[in-house]
Amino acid sequence: MENKPFWQSRTLWGLVISGIAMAAAHWGVQISPDDAAVNDIIEIVSKVVEIAGLVYAFYGRVTAKKTVGLTSK
């Protein structure tokens, strides 16, 4: 199996996207703290992004045809 650069890994990008969404939710990133409806929407979107990132990571791992290498050849 041929290696590919790490930045071309769908698995890696899915995990990065999911991680950013989880970190933002953990640190309480909010657009408008006074508007409960906006906060609810942000929470829902954050969860959807988390799930989408994990699904994309899974898809990337299942469909991978090359292993991830730290250097490109």
N, C-alpha and C. Protein backbone atom coordinates (compact mmCIF):
# COMPACT_ATOMS: atom_id res chain seq x y z
N MET A 1 0.84 -1.18 0.00
CA MET A 1 0.00 0.00 0.00
C MET A 1 0.89 1.24 0.00
N GLU A 2 0.58 2.19 -0.84
CA GLU A 2 1.36 3.41 -0.97
C GLU A 2 0.94 4.43 0.10
N ASN A 3 1.91 5.21 0.58
CA ASN A 3 1.62 6.25 1.57
C ASN A 3 1.10 7.52 0.90
N LYS A 4 0.35 8.32 1.64
CA LYS A 4 -0.09 9.63 1.18
C LYS A 4 0.22 10.63 2.29
N PRO A 5 0.35 11.91 1.95
CA PRO A 5 0.60 12.92 2.98
C PRO A 5 -0.55 12.96 3.98
N PHE A 6 -0.24 13.25 5.22
CA PHE A 6 -1.26 13.23 6.28
C PHE A 6 -2.41 14.19 6.01
N TRP A 7 -2.15 15.33 5.35
CA TRP A 7 -3.21 16.31 5.13
C TRP A 7 -4.23 15.87 4.08
N GLN A 8 -3.97 14.77 3.39
CA GLN A 8 -4.93 14.24 2.43
C GLN A 8 -5.81 13.15 3.04
N SER A 9 -5.69 12.93 4.32
CA SER A 9 -6.46 11.89 5.01
C SER A 9 -7.85 12.41 5.39
N ARG A 10 -8.89 11.77 4.84
CA ARG A 10 -10.27 12.13 5.21
C ARG A 10 -10.53 11.79 6.67
N THR A 11 -9.91 10.73 7.15
CA THR A 11 -10.07 10.36 8.56
C THR A 11 -9.55 11.48 9.46
N LEU A 12 -8.36 11.97 9.15
CA LEU A 12 -7.78 13.04 9.95
C LEU A 12 -8.66 14.28 9.93
N TRP A 13 -9.12 14.70 8.76
CA TRP A 13 -9.94 15.91 8.66
C TRP A 13 -11.28 15.74 9.37
N GLY A 14 -11.87 14.56 9.29
CA GLY A 14 -13.11 14.31 10.02
C GLY A 14 -12.92 14.46 11.51
N LEU A 15 -11.80 13.92 12.02
CA LEU A 15 -11.52 14.04 13.45
C LEU A 15 -11.20 15.48 13.84
N VAL A 16 -10.49 16.21 12.99
CA VAL A 16 -10.19 17.62 13.27
C VAL A 16 -11.48 18.44 13.35
N ILE A 17 -12.37 18.25 12.38
CA ILE A 17 -13.64 18.99 12.36
C ILE A 17 -14.45 18.67 13.62
N SER A 18 -14.53 17.40 13.94
CA SER A 18 -15.28 16.99 15.13
C SER A 18 -14.65 17.55 16.40
N GLY A 19 -13.33 17.51 16.46
CA GLY A 19 -12.62 18.03 17.64
C GLY A 19 -12.82 19.51 17.83
N ILE A 20 -12.80 20.27 16.74
CA ILE A 20 -13.01 21.73 16.84
C ILE A 20 -14.42 22.02 17.34
N ALA A 21 -15.41 21.30 16.83
CA ALA A 21 -16.78 21.50 17.28
C ALA A 21 -16.93 21.16 18.76
N MET A 22 -16.31 20.06 19.19
CA MET A 22 -16.38 19.67 20.60
C MET A 22 -15.69 20.69 21.49
N ALA A 23 -14.52 21.18 21.07
CA ALA A 23 -13.79 22.17 21.87
C ALA A 23 -14.57 23.47 21.98
N ALA A 24 -15.17 23.91 20.88
CA ALA A 24 -15.96 25.14 20.89
C ALA A 24 -17.13 25.00 21.87
N ALA A 25 -17.80 23.86 21.84
CA ALA A 25 -18.92 23.63 22.75
C ALA A 25 -18.43 23.58 24.20
N HIS A 26 -17.30 22.95 24.42
CA HIS A 26 -16.75 22.82 25.78
C HIS A 26 -16.39 24.18 26.37
N TRP A 27 -15.80 25.05 25.55
CA TRP A 27 -15.39 26.37 26.03
C TRP A 27 -16.50 27.40 25.94
N GLY A 28 -17.69 26.98 25.58
CA GLY A 28 -18.85 27.86 25.61
C GLY A 28 -18.86 28.95 24.55
N VAL A 29 -18.36 28.66 23.37
CA VAL A 29 -18.39 29.64 22.29
C VAL A 29 -19.84 29.95 21.96
N GLN A 30 -20.19 31.23 22.05
CA GLN A 30 -21.55 31.67 21.80
C GLN A 30 -21.54 32.91 20.92
N ILE A 31 -22.56 33.05 20.11
CA ILE A 31 -22.68 34.24 19.28
C ILE A 31 -23.43 35.33 20.05
N SER A 32 -24.51 34.96 20.71
CA SER A 32 -25.33 35.93 21.43
C SER A 32 -25.79 35.31 22.75
N PRO A 33 -25.09 35.56 23.83
CA PRO A 33 -25.43 34.92 25.10
C PRO A 33 -26.79 35.34 25.66
N ASP A 34 -27.36 36.44 25.17
CA ASP A 34 -28.65 36.90 25.70
C ASP A 34 -29.85 36.28 24.99
N ASP A 35 -29.63 35.65 23.86
CA ASP A 35 -30.73 35.11 23.07
C ASP A 35 -30.77 33.59 23.18
N ALA A 36 -31.71 33.06 23.94
CA ALA A 36 -31.79 31.62 24.18
C ALA A 36 -32.05 30.84 22.89
N ALA A 37 -32.85 31.38 21.99
CA ALA A 37 -33.14 30.68 20.73
C ALA A 37 -31.87 30.52 19.90
N VAL A 38 -31.07 31.56 19.84
CA VAL A 38 -29.81 31.49 19.08
C VAL A 38 -28.88 30.48 19.73
N ASN A 39 -28.81 30.46 21.04
CA ASN A 39 -27.95 29.50 21.73
C ASN A 39 -28.40 28.07 21.48
N ASP A 40 -29.70 27.84 21.42
CA ASP A 40 -30.20 26.50 21.13
C ASP A 40 -29.81 26.07 19.72
N ILE A 41 -29.92 26.98 18.78
CA ILE A 41 -29.55 26.68 17.40
C ILE A 41 -28.05 26.38 17.31
N ILE A 42 -27.25 27.18 17.99
CA ILE A 42 -25.79 26.97 17.98
C ILE A 42 -25.46 25.60 18.56
N GLU A 43 -26.14 25.23 19.64
CA GLU A 43 -25.90 23.92 20.25
C GLU A 43 -26.25 22.79 19.30
N ILE A 44 -27.36 22.91 18.62
CA ILE A 44 -27.78 21.88 17.65
C ILE A 44 -26.79 21.80 16.50
N VAL A 45 -26.39 22.95 15.96
CA VAL A 45 -25.43 22.96 14.85
C VAL A 45 -24.10 22.37 15.30
N SER A 46 -23.68 22.69 16.51
CA SER A 46 -22.43 22.15 17.04
C SER A 46 -22.48 20.63 17.11
N LYS A 47 -23.58 20.09 17.60
CA LYS A 47 -23.72 18.62 17.68
C LYS A 47 -23.74 17.98 16.29
N VAL A 48 -24.43 18.65 15.34
CA VAL A 48 -24.47 18.13 13.97
C VAL A 48 -23.07 18.11 13.37
N VAL A 49 -22.30 19.17 13.61
CA VAL A 49 -20.93 19.22 13.09
C VAL A 49 -20.07 18.14 13.73
N GLU A 50 -20.21 17.93 15.03
CA GLU A 50 -19.48 16.86 15.71
C GLU A 50 -19.77 15.51 15.05
N ILE A 51 -21.04 15.22 14.88
CA ILE A 51 -21.45 13.94 14.29
C ILE A 51 -20.97 13.84 12.85
N ALA A 52 -21.11 14.93 12.09
CA ALA A 52 -20.66 14.92 10.69
C ALA A 52 -19.16 14.67 10.61
N GLY A 53 -18.40 15.26 11.49
CA GLY A 53 -16.95 15.03 11.51
C GLY A 53 -16.61 13.58 11.79
N LEU A 54 -17.31 12.98 12.74
CA LEU A 54 -17.06 11.57 13.05
C LEU A 54 -17.49 10.65 11.90
N VAL A 55 -18.61 10.96 11.27
CA VAL A 55 -19.07 10.17 10.12
C VAL A 55 -18.06 10.29 8.98
N TYR A 56 -17.56 11.51 8.74
CA TYR A 56 -16.59 11.72 7.68
C TYR A 56 -15.29 10.97 7.98
N ALA A 57 -14.87 10.96 9.24
CA ALA A 57 -13.67 10.21 9.63
C ALA A 57 -13.88 8.72 9.39
N PHE A 58 -15.03 8.21 9.76
CA PHE A 58 -15.33 6.79 9.54
C PHE A 58 -15.33 6.48 8.05
N TYR A 59 -15.99 7.32 7.26
CA TYR A 59 -16.04 7.14 5.81
C TYR A 59 -14.62 7.15 5.22
N GLY A 60 -13.82 8.09 5.67
CA GLY A 60 -12.45 8.17 5.19
C GLY A 60 -11.65 6.93 5.50
N ARG A 61 -11.85 6.39 6.68
CA ARG A 61 -11.10 5.19 7.07
C ARG A 61 -11.55 3.98 6.27
N VAL A 62 -12.84 3.85 6.06
CA VAL A 62 -13.39 2.70 5.34
C VAL A 62 -13.00 2.73 3.86
N THR A 63 -12.96 3.91 3.26
CA THR A 63 -12.68 4.02 1.83
C THR A 63 -11.22 4.27 1.51
N ALA A 64 -10.36 4.35 2.51
CA ALA A 64 -8.94 4.65 2.28
C ALA A 64 -8.29 3.58 1.42
N LYS A 65 -7.52 4.04 0.47
CA LYS A 65 -6.79 3.13 -0.40
C LYS A 65 -5.29 3.20 -0.15
N LYS A 66 -4.85 4.21 0.60
CA LYS A 66 -3.44 4.41 0.93
C LYS A 66 -3.31 4.61 2.42
N THR A 67 -2.16 4.27 2.96
CA THR A 67 -1.89 4.56 4.36
C THR A 67 -1.42 5.99 4.47
N VAL A 68 -1.51 6.55 5.67
CA VAL A 68 -1.07 7.92 5.90
C VAL A 68 0.40 7.89 6.29
N GLY A 69 1.19 8.69 5.60
CA GLY A 69 2.62 8.83 5.93
C GLY A 69 2.91 10.23 6.39
N LEU A 70 3.95 10.39 7.14
CA LEU A 70 4.30 11.72 7.63
C LEU A 70 5.06 12.53 6.59
N THR A 71 5.58 11.87 5.59
CA THR A 71 6.27 12.59 4.52
C THR A 71 5.73 12.12 3.18
N SER A 72 5.72 13.01 2.22
CA SER A 72 5.27 12.61 0.90
C SER A 72 6.48 12.16 0.09
N LYS A 73 6.25 11.23 -0.83
CA LYS A 73 7.35 10.71 -1.65
C LYS A 73 7.16 11.10 -3.08
